[in-house]
């Protein structure tokens, strides 16, 4: 089923970016721009995955799906809060995250697994 595969891939990639963001965040050698970019990518992918999951479970009474959605939303919100904090601390503007962003889920998934590097993603994250 393509829905499960693409949603899982989005979540896996989001968690990869989130892990790298946390590593950059805790490193004294990293640049705040790279950390914020990694958090931003993770947040965007988590948003995409949440939207897909919600559309599939909308109207379906599934307690485990609701709990999973809440957990993922909490993860999303935690990373969004941290990104906002870093943005304020380092005076780095952050563009709003939306599904109409020029960086799409498909391009992120492709760029994160291919050898070519996207200009939106720091080389250290690929």
PDB file of N, CA and C in Angstrom:
ATOM      1  N   UNK A   1       0.845  -1.173   0.000  1.00  0.00           N
ATOM      2  CA  UNK A   1       0.000   0.000   0.000  1.00  0.00           C
ATOM      3  C   UNK A   1       0.895   1.242   0.000  1.00  0.00           C
ATOM      4  N   UNK A   2       0.783   2.112  -1.012  1.00  0.00           N
ATOM      5  CA  UNK A   2       1.696   3.231  -1.171  1.00  0.00           C
ATOM      6  C   UNK A   2       1.574   4.261  -0.041  1.00  0.00           C
ATOM      7  N   UNK A   3       0.377   4.413   0.522  1.00  0.00           N
ATOM      8  CA  UNK A   3       0.186   5.364   1.619  1.00  0.00           C
ATOM      9  C   UNK A   3       1.115   5.048   2.784  1.00  0.00           C
ATOM     10  N   UNK A   4       1.123   3.803   3.215  1.00  0.00           N
ATOM     11  CA  UNK A   4       1.951   3.412   4.355  1.00  0.00           C
ATOM     12  C   UNK A   4       3.424   3.609   4.022  1.00  0.00           C
ATOM     13  N   UNK A   5       3.827   3.180   2.854  1.00  0.00           N
ATOM     14  CA  UNK A   5       5.220   3.300   2.450  1.00  0.00           C
ATOM     15  C   UNK A   5       5.667   4.759   2.436  1.00  0.00           C
ATOM     16  N   UNK A   6       4.909   5.650   1.799  1.00  0.00           N
ATOM     17  CA  UNK A   6       5.335   7.040   1.705  1.00  0.00           C
ATOM     18  C   UNK A   6       5.258   7.748   3.049  1.00  0.00           C
ATOM     19  N   UNK A   7       4.284   7.417   3.863  1.00  0.00           N
ATOM     20  CA  UNK A   7       4.191   8.026   5.178  1.00  0.00           C
ATOM     21  C   UNK A   7       5.326   7.536   6.063  1.00  0.00           C
ATOM     22  N   UNK A   8       5.605   6.265   6.018  1.00  0.00           N
ATOM     23  CA  UNK A   8       6.742   5.732   6.792  1.00  0.00           C
ATOM     24  C   UNK A   8       8.046   6.361   6.336  1.00  0.00           C
ATOM     25  N   UNK A   9       8.196   6.498   5.030  1.00  0.00           N
ATOM     26  CA  UNK A   9       9.416   7.109   4.494  1.00  0.00           C
ATOM     27  C   UNK A   9       9.521   8.559   4.958  1.00  0.00           C
ATOM     28  N   UNK A  10       8.416   9.279   4.951  1.00  0.00           N
ATOM     29  CA  UNK A  10       8.407  10.668   5.426  1.00  0.00           C
ATOM     30  C   UNK A  10       8.790  10.731   6.900  1.00  0.00           C
ATOM     31  N   UNK A  11       8.221   9.843   7.693  1.00  0.00           N
ATOM     32  CA  UNK A  11       8.534   9.824   9.120  1.00  0.00           C
ATOM     33  C   UNK A  11       9.990   9.445   9.372  1.00  0.00           C
ATOM     34  N   UNK A  12      10.474   8.458   8.645  1.00  0.00           N
ATOM     35  CA  UNK A  12      11.869   8.039   8.795  1.00  0.00           C
ATOM     36  C   UNK A  12      12.812   9.177   8.441  1.00  0.00           C
ATOM     37  N   UNK A  13      12.525   9.859   7.341  1.00  0.00           N
ATOM     38  CA  UNK A  13      13.363  10.966   6.909  1.00  0.00           C
ATOM     39  C   UNK A  13      13.254  12.134   7.890  1.00  0.00           C
ATOM     40  N   UNK A  14      12.050  12.402   8.377  1.00  0.00           N
ATOM     41  CA  UNK A  14      11.859  13.474   9.360  1.00  0.00           C
ATOM     42  C   UNK A  14      12.678  13.197  10.612  1.00  0.00           C
ATOM     43  N   UNK A  15      12.650  11.966  11.074  1.00  0.00           N
ATOM     44  CA  UNK A  15      13.405  11.611  12.275  1.00  0.00           C
ATOM     45  C   UNK A  15      14.904  11.684  12.031  1.00  0.00           C
ATOM     46  N   UNK A  16      15.326  11.386  10.814  1.00  0.00           N
ATOM     47  CA  UNK A  16      16.747  11.527  10.445  1.00  0.00           C
ATOM     48  C   UNK A  16      17.163  12.993  10.560  1.00  0.00           C
ATOM     49  N   UNK A  17      16.357  13.892   9.988  1.00  0.00           N
ATOM     50  CA  UNK A  17      16.654  15.321  10.078  1.00  0.00           C
ATOM     51  C   UNK A  17      16.602  15.798  11.526  1.00  0.00           C
ATOM     52  N   UNK A  18      15.623  15.305  12.280  1.00  0.00           N
ATOM     53  CA  UNK A  18      15.487  15.697  13.685  1.00  0.00           C
ATOM     54  C   UNK A  18      16.709  15.261  14.486  1.00  0.00           C
ATOM     55  N   UNK A  19      17.157  14.053  14.266  1.00  0.00           N
ATOM     56  CA  UNK A  19      18.346  13.548  14.967  1.00  0.00           C
ATOM     57  C   UNK A  19      19.554  14.404  14.630  1.00  0.00           C
ATOM     58  N   UNK A  20      19.710  14.728  13.354  1.00  0.00           N
ATOM     59  CA  UNK A  20      20.838  15.551  12.941  1.00  0.00           C
ATOM     60  C   UNK A  20      20.728  16.961  13.510  1.00  0.00           C
ATOM     61  N   UNK A  21      19.507  17.491  13.587  1.00  0.00           N
ATOM     62  CA  UNK A  21      19.303  18.817  14.162  1.00  0.00           C
ATOM     63  C   UNK A  21      19.713  18.829  15.634  1.00  0.00           C
ATOM     64  N   UNK A  22      19.313  17.796  16.356  1.00  0.00           N
ATOM     65  CA  UNK A  22      19.666  17.702  17.773  1.00  0.00           C
ATOM     66  C   UNK A  22      21.183  17.585  17.926  1.00  0.00           C
ATOM     67  N   UNK A  23      21.814  16.795  17.068  1.00  0.00           N
ATOM     68  CA  UNK A  23      23.275  16.672  17.121  1.00  0.00           C
ATOM     69  C   UNK A  23      23.945  18.009  16.829  1.00  0.00           C
ATOM     70  N   UNK A  24      23.463  18.713  15.805  1.00  0.00           N
ATOM     71  CA  UNK A  24      24.006  20.042  15.487  1.00  0.00           C
ATOM     72  C   UNK A  24      23.753  21.011  16.635  1.00  0.00           C
ATOM     73  N   UNK A  25      22.577  20.927  17.207  1.00  0.00           N
ATOM     74  CA  UNK A  25      22.181  21.813  18.300  1.00  0.00           C
ATOM     75  C   UNK A  25      23.104  21.648  19.506  1.00  0.00           C
ATOM     76  N   UNK A  26      23.538  20.430  19.755  1.00  0.00           N
ATOM     77  CA  UNK A  26      24.383  20.178  20.925  1.00  0.00           C
ATOM     78  C   UNK A  26      25.870  20.331  20.629  1.00  0.00           C
ATOM     79  N   UNK A  27      26.232  20.522  19.374  1.00  0.00           N
ATOM     80  CA  UNK A  27      27.632  20.676  18.995  1.00  0.00           C
ATOM     81  C   UNK A  27      28.066  22.134  19.116  1.00  0.00           C
ATOM     82  N   UNK A  28      29.260  22.332  19.611  1.00  0.00           N
ATOM     83  CA  UNK A  28      29.788  23.691  19.715  1.00  0.00           C
ATOM     84  C   UNK A  28      30.366  24.172  18.388  1.00  0.00           C
ATOM     85  N   UNK A  29      30.577  23.245  17.448  1.00  0.00           N
ATOM     86  CA  UNK A  29      31.179  23.593  16.158  1.00  0.00           C
ATOM     87  C   UNK A  29      30.158  23.897  15.067  1.00  0.00           C
ATOM     88  N   UNK A  30      28.895  23.677  15.322  1.00  0.00           N
ATOM     89  CA  UNK A  30      27.891  23.837  14.267  1.00  0.00           C
ATOM     90  C   UNK A  30      27.428  25.283  14.143  1.00  0.00           C
ATOM     91  N   UNK A  31      26.890  25.579  12.970  1.00  0.00           N
ATOM     92  CA  UNK A  31      26.341  26.906  12.710  1.00  0.00           C
ATOM     93  C   UNK A  31      24.846  26.882  13.008  1.00  0.00           C
ATOM     94  N   UNK A  32      24.335  27.928  13.650  1.00  0.00           N
ATOM     95  CA  UNK A  32      22.899  27.975  13.968  1.00  0.00           C
ATOM     96  C   UNK A  32      22.017  27.849  12.722  1.00  0.00           C
ATOM     97  N   UNK A  33      22.466  28.394  11.600  1.00  0.00           N
ATOM     98  CA  UNK A  33      21.678  28.292  10.362  1.00  0.00           C
ATOM     99  C   UNK A  33      21.460  26.835   9.970  1.00  0.00           C
ATOM    100  N   UNK A  34      22.500  26.022  10.100  1.00  0.00           N
ATOM    101  CA  UNK A  34      22.391  24.601   9.750  1.00  0.00           C
ATOM    102  C   UNK A  34      21.437  23.873  10.698  1.00  0.00           C
ATOM    103  N   UNK A  35      21.523  24.224  11.973  1.00  0.00           N
ATOM    104  CA  UNK A  35      20.646  23.598  12.963  1.00  0.00           C
ATOM    105  C   UNK A  35      19.191  23.955  12.694  1.00  0.00           C
ATOM    106  N   UNK A  36      18.944  25.220  12.449  1.00  0.00           N
ATOM    107  CA  UNK A  36      17.581  25.668  12.160  1.00  0.00           C
ATOM    108  C   UNK A  36      17.065  25.031  10.876  1.00  0.00           C
ATOM    109  N   UNK A  37      17.929  24.916   9.860  1.00  0.00           N
ATOM    110  CA  UNK A  37      17.520  24.287   8.600  1.00  0.00           C
ATOM    111  C   UNK A  37      17.134  22.827   8.821  1.00  0.00           C
ATOM    112  N   UNK A  38      17.895  22.122   9.642  1.00  0.00           N
ATOM    113  CA  UNK A  38      17.586  20.717   9.921  1.00  0.00           C
ATOM    114  C   UNK A  38      16.264  20.590  10.672  1.00  0.00           C
ATOM    115  N   UNK A  39      16.055  21.437  11.682  1.00  0.00           N
ATOM    116  CA  UNK A  39      14.774  21.426  12.393  1.00  0.00           C
ATOM    117  C   UNK A  39      13.637  21.744  11.432  1.00  0.00           C
ATOM    118  N   UNK A  40      13.844  22.711  10.563  1.00  0.00           N
ATOM    119  CA  UNK A  40      12.813  23.108   9.603  1.00  0.00           C
ATOM    120  C   UNK A  40      12.424  21.948   8.690  1.00  0.00           C
ATOM    121  N   UNK A  41      13.411  21.214   8.185  1.00  0.00           N
ATOM    122  CA  UNK A  41      13.137  20.076   7.318  1.00  0.00           C
ATOM    123  C   UNK A  41      12.372  18.999   8.078  1.00  0.00           C
ATOM    124  N   UNK A  42      12.784  18.736   9.312  1.00  0.00           N
ATOM    125  CA  UNK A  42      12.098  17.724  10.127  1.00  0.00           C
ATOM    126  C   UNK A  42      10.647  18.131  10.377  1.00  0.00           C
ATOM    127  N   UNK A  43      10.438  19.399  10.695  1.00  0.00           N
ATOM    128  CA  UNK A  43       9.090  19.896  10.963  1.00  0.00           C
ATOM    129  C   UNK A  43       8.216  19.788   9.722  1.00  0.00           C
ATOM    130  N   UNK A  44       8.776  20.157   8.582  1.00  0.00           N
ATOM    131  CA  UNK A  44       7.992  20.097   7.348  1.00  0.00           C
ATOM    132  C   UNK A  44       7.588  18.655   7.027  1.00  0.00           C
ATOM    133  N   UNK A  45       8.514  17.730   7.172  1.00  0.00           N
ATOM    134  CA  UNK A  45       8.200  16.327   6.899  1.00  0.00           C
ATOM    135  C   UNK A  45       7.196  15.770   7.901  1.00  0.00           C
ATOM    136  N   UNK A  46       7.353  16.134   9.158  1.00  0.00           N
ATOM    137  CA  UNK A  46       6.381  15.692  10.165  1.00  0.00           C
ATOM    138  C   UNK A  46       5.000  16.254   9.853  1.00  0.00           C
ATOM    139  N   UNK A  47       4.928  17.501   9.404  1.00  0.00           N
ATOM    140  CA  UNK A  47       3.644  18.097   9.026  1.00  0.00           C
ATOM    141  C   UNK A  47       3.006  17.334   7.876  1.00  0.00           C
ATOM    142  N   UNK A  48       3.818  16.999   6.882  1.00  0.00           N
ATOM    143  CA  UNK A  48       3.323  16.235   5.733  1.00  0.00           C
ATOM    144  C   UNK A  48       2.785  14.881   6.184  1.00  0.00           C
ATOM    145  N   UNK A  49       3.548  14.199   7.025  1.00  0.00           N
ATOM    146  CA  UNK A  49       3.133  12.882   7.499  1.00  0.00           C
ATOM    147  C   UNK A  49       1.858  12.979   8.336  1.00  0.00           C
ATOM    148  N   UNK A  50       1.780  13.977   9.214  1.00  0.00           N
ATOM    149  CA  UNK A  50       0.584  14.162  10.028  1.00  0.00           C
ATOM    150  C   UNK A  50      -0.642  14.415   9.157  1.00  0.00           C
ATOM    151  N   UNK A  51      -0.499  15.216   8.126  1.00  0.00           N
ATOM    152  CA  UNK A  51      -1.605  15.496   7.213  1.00  0.00           C
ATOM    153  C   UNK A  51      -2.070  14.221   6.527  1.00  0.00           C
ATOM    154  N   UNK A  52      -1.128  13.424   6.064  1.00  0.00           N
ATOM    155  CA  UNK A  52      -1.475  12.163   5.393  1.00  0.00           C
ATOM    156  C   UNK A  52      -2.175  11.201   6.342  1.00  0.00           C
ATOM    157  N   UNK A  53      -1.651  11.087   7.542  1.00  0.00           N
ATOM    158  CA  UNK A  53      -2.245  10.160   8.509  1.00  0.00           C
ATOM    159  C   UNK A  53      -3.646  10.628   8.885  1.00  0.00           C
ATOM    160  N   UNK A  54      -3.800  11.926   9.139  1.00  0.00           N
ATOM    161  CA  UNK A  54      -5.119  12.459   9.499  1.00  0.00           C
ATOM    162  C   UNK A  54      -6.146  12.212   8.402  1.00  0.00           C
ATOM    163  N   UNK A  55      -5.736  12.359   7.155  1.00  0.00           N
ATOM    164  CA  UNK A  55      -6.683  12.150   6.059  1.00  0.00           C
ATOM    165  C   UNK A  55      -7.123  10.690   5.965  1.00  0.00           C
ATOM    166  N   UNK A  56      -6.263   9.781   6.374  1.00  0.00           N
ATOM    167  CA  UNK A  56      -6.612   8.359   6.329  1.00  0.00           C
ATOM    168  C   UNK A  56      -7.465   7.927   7.509  1.00  0.00           C
ATOM    169  N   UNK A  57      -7.298   8.560   8.668  1.00  0.00           N
ATOM    170  CA  UNK A  57      -8.042   8.134   9.853  1.00  0.00           C
ATOM    171  C   UNK A  57      -9.223   9.045  10.157  1.00  0.00           C
ATOM    172  N   UNK A  58      -9.430  10.075   9.333  1.00  0.00           N
ATOM    173  CA  UNK A  58     -10.534  11.007   9.552  1.00  0.00           C
ATOM    174  C   UNK A  58     -11.865  10.244   9.574  1.00  0.00           C
ATOM    175  N   UNK A  59     -12.593  10.389  10.657  1.00  0.00           N
ATOM    176  CA  UNK A  59     -13.888   9.739  10.787  1.00  0.00           C
ATOM    177  C   UNK A  59     -13.819   8.302  11.288  1.00  0.00           C
ATOM    178  N   UNK A  60     -12.628   7.756  11.432  1.00  0.00           N
ATOM    179  CA  UNK A  60     -12.457   6.387  11.901  1.00  0.00           C
ATOM    180  C   UNK A  60     -12.118   6.434  13.389  1.00  0.00           C
ATOM    181  N   UNK A  61     -12.862   5.680  14.174  1.00  0.00           N
ATOM    182  CA  UNK A  61     -12.584   5.620  15.609  1.00  0.00           C
ATOM    183  C   UNK A  61     -11.496   4.582  15.856  1.00  0.00           C
ATOM    184  N   UNK A  62     -10.287   5.079  16.017  1.00  0.00           N
ATOM    185  CA  UNK A  62      -9.143   4.203  16.257  1.00  0.00           C
ATOM    186  C   UNK A  62      -8.294   4.853  17.349  1.00  0.00           C
ATOM    187  N   UNK A  63      -8.397   4.339  18.565  1.00  0.00           N
ATOM    188  CA  UNK A  63      -7.709   4.922  19.709  1.00  0.00           C
ATOM    189  C   UNK A  63      -6.201   4.917  19.512  1.00  0.00           C
ATOM    190  N   UNK A  64      -5.645   3.837  18.986  1.00  0.00           N
ATOM    191  CA  UNK A  64      -4.198   3.775  18.807  1.00  0.00           C
ATOM    192  C   UNK A  64      -3.727   4.781  17.756  1.00  0.00           C
ATOM    193  N   UNK A  65      -4.509   4.984  16.717  1.00  0.00           N
ATOM    194  CA  UNK A  65      -4.144   5.975  15.697  1.00  0.00           C
ATOM    195  C   UNK A  65      -4.201   7.379  16.289  1.00  0.00           C
ATOM    196  N   UNK A  66      -5.200   7.646  17.108  1.00  0.00           N
ATOM    197  CA  UNK A  66      -5.303   8.956  17.751  1.00  0.00           C
ATOM    198  C   UNK A  66      -4.127   9.214  18.688  1.00  0.00           C
ATOM    199  N   UNK A  67      -3.735   8.197  19.431  1.00  0.00           N
ATOM    200  CA  UNK A  67      -2.582   8.337  20.328  1.00  0.00           C
ATOM    201  C   UNK A  67      -1.308   8.581  19.533  1.00  0.00           C
ATOM    202  N   UNK A  68      -1.154   7.871  18.432  1.00  0.00           N
ATOM    203  CA  UNK A  68       0.020   8.057  17.578  1.00  0.00           C
ATOM    204  C   UNK A  68       0.037   9.463  16.980  1.00  0.00           C
ATOM    205  N   UNK A  69      -1.113   9.932  16.545  1.00  0.00           N
ATOM    206  CA  UNK A  69      -1.207  11.295  16.018  1.00  0.00           C
ATOM    207  C   UNK A  69      -0.821  12.319  17.082  1.00  0.00           C
ATOM    208  N   UNK A  70      -1.312  12.140  18.290  1.00  0.00           N
ATOM    209  CA  UNK A  70      -0.969  13.056  19.379  1.00  0.00           C
ATOM    210  C   UNK A  70       0.526  13.038  19.677  1.00  0.00           C
ATOM    211  N   UNK A  71       1.095  11.840  19.675  1.00  0.00           N
ATOM    212  CA  UNK A  71       2.531  11.708  19.939  1.00  0.00           C
ATOM    213  C   UNK A  71       3.339  12.415  18.852  1.00  0.00           C
ATOM    214  N   UNK A  72       2.982  12.186  17.589  1.00  0.00           N
ATOM    215  CA  UNK A  72       3.685  12.835  16.485  1.00  0.00           C
ATOM    216  C   UNK A  72       3.505  14.351  16.511  1.00  0.00           C
ATOM    217  N   UNK A  73       2.304  14.801  16.878  1.00  0.00           N
ATOM    218  CA  UNK A  73       2.068  16.238  16.979  1.00  0.00           C
ATOM    219  C   UNK A  73       2.930  16.847  18.085  1.00  0.00           C
ATOM    220  N   UNK A  74       3.083  16.138  19.191  1.00  0.00           N
ATOM    221  CA  UNK A  74       3.940  16.611  20.278  1.00  0.00           C
ATOM    222  C   UNK A  74       5.396  16.705  19.840  1.00  0.00           C
ATOM    223  N   UNK A  75       5.873  15.715  19.095  1.00  0.00           N
ATOM    224  CA  UNK A  75       7.240  15.745  18.571  1.00  0.00           C
ATOM    225  C   UNK A  75       7.395  16.946  17.642  1.00  0.00           C
ATOM    226  N   UNK A  76       6.441  17.106  16.730  1.00  0.00           N
ATOM    227  CA  UNK A  76       6.445  18.241  15.802  1.00  0.00           C
ATOM    228  C   UNK A  76       6.522  19.561  16.569  1.00  0.00           C
ATOM    229  N   UNK A  77       5.655  19.721  17.561  1.00  0.00           N
ATOM    230  CA  UNK A  77       5.582  20.966  18.316  1.00  0.00           C
ATOM    231  C   UNK A  77       6.860  21.223  19.110  1.00  0.00           C
ATOM    232  N   UNK A  78       7.460  20.184  19.648  1.00  0.00           N
ATOM    233  CA  UNK A  78       8.707  20.320  20.392  1.00  0.00           C
ATOM    234  C   UNK A  78       9.821  20.850  19.489  1.00  0.00           C
ATOM    235  N   UNK A  79       9.943  20.266  18.297  1.00  0.00           N
ATOM    236  CA  UNK A  79      10.975  20.734  17.366  1.00  0.00           C
ATOM    237  C   UNK A  79      10.667  22.134  16.853  1.00  0.00           C
ATOM    238  N   UNK A  80       9.401  22.444  16.626  1.00  0.00           N
ATOM    239  CA  UNK A  80       9.025  23.790  16.180  1.00  0.00           C
ATOM    240  C   UNK A  80       9.364  24.824  17.265  1.00  0.00           C
ATOM    241  N   UNK A  81       9.107  24.482  18.521  1.00  0.00           N
ATOM    242  CA  UNK A  81       9.451  25.384  19.622  1.00  0.00           C
ATOM    243  C   UNK A  81      10.962  25.614  19.704  1.00  0.00           C
ATOM    244  N   UNK A  82      11.725  24.545  19.548  1.00  0.00           N
ATOM    245  CA  UNK A  82      13.186  24.687  19.623  1.00  0.00           C
ATOM    246  C   UNK A  82      13.699  25.532  18.462  1.00  0.00           C
ATOM    247  N   UNK A  83      13.158  25.311  17.267  1.00  0.00           N
ATOM    248  CA  UNK A  83      13.571  26.090  16.113  1.00  0.00           C
ATOM    249  C   UNK A  83      13.239  27.564  16.336  1.00  0.00           C
ATOM    250  N   UNK A  84      12.063  27.850  16.873  1.00  0.00           N
ATOM    251  CA  UNK A  84      11.666  29.230  17.144  1.00  0.00           C
ATOM    252  C   UNK A  84      12.592  29.868  18.178  1.00  0.00           C
ATOM    253  N   UNK A  85      12.959  29.110  19.188  1.00  0.00           N
ATOM    254  CA  UNK A  85      13.877  29.613  20.213  1.00  0.00           C
ATOM    255  C   UNK A  85      15.225  29.964  19.600  1.00  0.00           C
ATOM    256  N   UNK A  86      15.767  29.067  18.792  1.00  0.00           N
ATOM    257  CA  UNK A  86      17.061  29.335  18.137  1.00  0.00           C
ATOM    258  C   UNK A  86      16.963  30.534  17.210  1.00  0.00           C
ATOM    259  N   UNK A  87      15.846  30.660  16.539  1.00  0.00           N
ATOM    260  CA  UNK A  87      15.632  31.787  15.639  1.00  0.00           C
ATOM    261  C   UNK A  87      15.701  33.112  16.390  1.00  0.00           C
ATOM    262  N   UNK A  88      15.110  33.145  17.577  1.00  0.00           N
ATOM    263  CA  UNK A  88      15.135  34.355  18.389  1.00  0.00           C
ATOM    264  C   UNK A  88      16.531  34.607  18.952  1.00  0.00           C
ATOM    265  N   UNK A  89      17.146  33.572  19.490  1.00  0.00           N
ATOM    266  CA  UNK A  89      18.472  33.712  20.095  1.00  0.00           C
ATOM    267  C   UNK A  89      19.488  34.244  19.093  1.00  0.00           C
ATOM    268  N   UNK A  90      19.496  33.686  17.882  1.00  0.00           N
ATOM    269  CA  UNK A  90      20.500  34.041  16.879  1.00  0.00           C
ATOM    270  C   UNK A  90      19.994  35.056  15.853  1.00  0.00           C
ATOM    271  N   UNK A  91      18.778  35.569  16.064  1.00  0.00           N
ATOM    272  CA  UNK A  91      18.187  36.553  15.159  1.00  0.00           C
ATOM    273  C   UNK A  91      18.216  36.071  13.705  1.00  0.00           C
ATOM    274  N   UNK A  92      17.758  34.848  13.519  1.00  0.00           N
ATOM    275  CA  UNK A  92      17.685  34.238  12.199  1.00  0.00           C
ATOM    276  C   UNK A  92      16.205  34.076  11.853  1.00  0.00           C
ATOM    277  N   UNK A  93      15.735  34.794  10.825  1.00  0.00           N
ATOM    278  CA  UNK A  93      14.315  34.658  10.465  1.00  0.00           C
ATOM    279  C   UNK A  93      14.012  33.260   9.929  1.00  0.00           C
ATOM    280  N   UNK A  94      12.861  32.773  10.291  1.00  0.00           N
ATOM    281  CA  UNK A  94      12.434  31.452   9.837  1.00  0.00           C
ATOM    282  C   UNK A  94      11.149  31.631   9.040  1.00  0.00           C
ATOM    283  N   UNK A  95      11.156  31.122   7.818  1.00  0.00           N
ATOM    284  CA  UNK A  95       9.958  31.194   6.984  1.00  0.00           C
ATOM    285  C   UNK A  95       8.910  30.245   7.536  1.00  0.00           C
ATOM    286  N   UNK A  96       7.650  30.616   7.431  1.00  0.00           N
ATOM    287  CA  UNK A  96       6.592  29.712   7.890  1.00  0.00           C
ATOM    288  C   UNK A  96       6.644  28.390   7.132  1.00  0.00           C
ATOM    289  N   UNK A  97       6.381  27.309   7.829  1.00  0.00           N
ATOM    290  CA  UNK A  97       6.362  25.984   7.228  1.00  0.00           C
ATOM    291  C   UNK A  97       4.960  25.733   6.703  1.00  0.00           C
ATOM    292  N   UNK A  98       4.856  25.388   5.423  1.00  0.00           N
ATOM    293  CA  UNK A  98       3.546  25.068   4.867  1.00  0.00           C
ATOM    294  C   UNK A  98       3.696  24.025   3.783  1.00  0.00           C
ATOM    295  N   UNK A  99       2.583  23.407   3.435  1.00  0.00           N
ATOM    296  CA  UNK A  99       2.622  22.393   2.386  1.00  0.00           C
ATOM    297  C   UNK A  99       2.832  23.023   1.016  1.00  0.00           C
ATOM    298  N   UNK A 100       2.674  24.345   0.908  1.00  0.00           N
ATOM    299  CA  UNK A 100       2.908  25.008  -0.368  1.00  0.00           C
ATOM    300  C   UNK A 100       4.350  25.470  -0.506  1.00  0.00           C
ATOM    301  N   UNK A 101       5.188  25.037   0.421  1.00  0.00           N
ATOM    302  CA  UNK A 101       6.600  25.402   0.376  1.00  0.00           C
ATOM    303  C   UNK A 101       7.227  24.912  -0.922  1.00  0.00           C
ATOM    304  N   UNK A 102       8.247  25.626  -1.374  1.00  0.00           N
ATOM    305  CA  UNK A 102       8.894  25.242  -2.628  1.00  0.00           C
ATOM    306  C   UNK A 102       9.629  23.913  -2.502  1.00  0.00           C
ATOM    307  N   UNK A 103       9.991  23.540  -1.291  1.00  0.00           N
ATOM    308  CA  UNK A 103      10.629  22.250  -1.071  1.00  0.00           C
ATOM    309  C   UNK A 103       9.536  21.249  -0.749  1.00  0.00           C
ATOM    310  N   UNK A 104       9.290  20.324  -1.633  1.00  0.00           N
ATOM    311  CA  UNK A 104       8.212  19.365  -1.426  1.00  0.00           C
ATOM    312  C   UNK A 104       8.713  18.118  -0.725  1.00  0.00           C
ATOM    313  N   UNK A 105       7.775  17.365  -0.222  1.00  0.00           N
ATOM    314  CA  UNK A 105       8.107  16.093   0.410  1.00  0.00           C
ATOM    315  C   UNK A 105       8.868  15.203  -0.550  1.00  0.00           C
ATOM    316  N   UNK A 106       8.399  15.103  -1.771  1.00  0.00           N
ATOM    317  CA  UNK A 106       9.057  14.228  -2.746  1.00  0.00           C
ATOM    318  C   UNK A 106      10.494  14.656  -2.987  1.00  0.00           C
ATOM    319  N   UNK A 107      10.736  15.950  -3.112  1.00  0.00           N
ATOM    320  CA  UNK A 107      12.101  16.399  -3.372  1.00  0.00           C
ATOM    321  C   UNK A 107      12.994  16.170  -2.159  1.00  0.00           C
ATOM    322  N   UNK A 108      12.454  16.314  -0.948  1.00  0.00           N
ATOM    323  CA  UNK A 108      13.246  16.039   0.240  1.00  0.00           C
ATOM    324  C   UNK A 108      13.598  14.566   0.342  1.00  0.00           C
ATOM    325  N   UNK A 109      12.620  13.720   0.071  1.00  0.00           N
ATOM    326  CA  UNK A 109      12.875  12.287   0.151  1.00  0.00           C
ATOM    327  C   UNK A 109      13.899  11.872  -0.895  1.00  0.00           C
ATOM    328  N   UNK A 110      13.804  12.443  -2.087  1.00  0.00           N
ATOM    329  CA  UNK A 110      14.758  12.123  -3.149  1.00  0.00           C
ATOM    330  C   UNK A 110      16.140  12.643  -2.810  1.00  0.00           C
ATOM    331  N   UNK A 111      16.218  13.906  -2.370  1.00  0.00           N
ATOM    332  CA  UNK A 111      17.520  14.504  -2.106  1.00  0.00           C
ATOM    333  C   UNK A 111      18.204  13.881  -0.892  1.00  0.00           C
ATOM    334  N   UNK A 112      17.426  13.410   0.067  1.00  0.00           N
ATOM    335  CA  UNK A 112      18.049  12.841   1.258  1.00  0.00           C
ATOM    336  C   UNK A 112      18.589  11.441   1.015  1.00  0.00           C
ATOM    337  N   UNK A 113      18.155  10.822  -0.068  1.00  0.00           N
ATOM    338  CA  UNK A 113      18.638   9.475  -0.348  1.00  0.00           C
ATOM    339  C   UNK A 113      19.526   9.420  -1.578  1.00  0.00           C
ATOM    340  N   UNK A 114      19.626  10.535  -2.310  1.00  0.00           N
ATOM    341  CA  UNK A 114      20.461  10.538  -3.511  1.00  0.00           C
ATOM    342  C   UNK A 114      21.823  11.127  -3.211  1.00  0.00           C
ATOM    343  N   UNK A 115      22.713  11.050  -4.187  1.00  0.00           N
ATOM    344  CA  UNK A 115      24.052  11.580  -3.993  1.00  0.00           C
ATOM    345  C   UNK A 115      24.127  13.065  -4.307  1.00  0.00           C
ATOM    346  N   UNK A 116      23.122  13.612  -5.011  1.00  0.00           N
ATOM    347  CA  UNK A 116      23.136  15.044  -5.286  1.00  0.00           C
ATOM    348  C   UNK A 116      22.663  15.794  -4.057  1.00  0.00           C
ATOM    349  N   UNK A 117      23.126  17.020  -3.914  1.00  0.00           N
ATOM    350  CA  UNK A 117      22.823  17.801  -2.726  1.00  0.00           C
ATOM    351  C   UNK A 117      21.886  18.939  -3.076  1.00  0.00           C
ATOM    352  N   UNK A 118      20.838  19.094  -2.304  1.00  0.00           N
ATOM    353  CA  UNK A 118      19.884  20.180  -2.487  1.00  0.00           C
ATOM    354  C   UNK A 118      20.456  21.443  -1.869  1.00  0.00           C
ATOM    355  N   UNK A 119      20.184  22.587  -2.478  1.00  0.00           N
ATOM    356  CA  UNK A 119      20.674  23.842  -1.930  1.00  0.00           C
ATOM    357  C   UNK A 119      19.962  24.201  -0.635  1.00  0.00           C
ATOM    358  N   UNK A 120      18.801  23.626  -0.356  1.00  0.00           N
ATOM    359  CA  UNK A 120      18.047  23.931   0.863  1.00  0.00           C
ATOM    360  C   UNK A 120      18.578  23.179   2.073  1.00  0.00           C
ATOM    361  N   UNK A 121      19.353  22.148   1.851  1.00  0.00           N
ATOM    362  CA  UNK A 121      19.771  21.271   2.922  1.00  0.00           C
ATOM    363  C   UNK A 121      21.281  21.352   3.081  1.00  0.00           C
ATOM    364  N   UNK A 122      21.773  21.680   4.256  1.00  0.00           N
ATOM    365  CA  UNK A 122      23.222  21.749   4.455  1.00  0.00           C
ATOM    366  C   UNK A 122      23.871  20.421   4.097  1.00  0.00           C
ATOM    367  N   UNK A 123      25.025  20.500   3.459  1.00  0.00           N
ATOM    368  CA  UNK A 123      25.744  19.281   3.060  1.00  0.00           C
ATOM    369  C   UNK A 123      25.970  18.335   4.227  1.00  0.00           C
ATOM    370  N   UNK A 124      26.173  18.890   5.410  1.00  0.00           N
ATOM    371  CA  UNK A 124      26.432  18.047   6.584  1.00  0.00           C
ATOM    372  C   UNK A 124      25.239  17.179   6.950  1.00  0.00           C
ATOM    373  N   UNK A 125      24.047  17.508   6.409  1.00  0.00           N
ATOM    374  CA  UNK A 125      22.850  16.738   6.746  1.00  0.00           C
ATOM    375  C   UNK A 125      22.575  15.620   5.772  1.00  0.00           C
ATOM    376  N   UNK A 126      23.278  15.579   4.664  1.00  0.00           N
ATOM    377  CA  UNK A 126      22.998  14.574   3.639  1.00  0.00           C
ATOM    378  C   UNK A 126      23.923  13.384   3.762  1.00  0.00           C
TER     379      UNK A 126
END
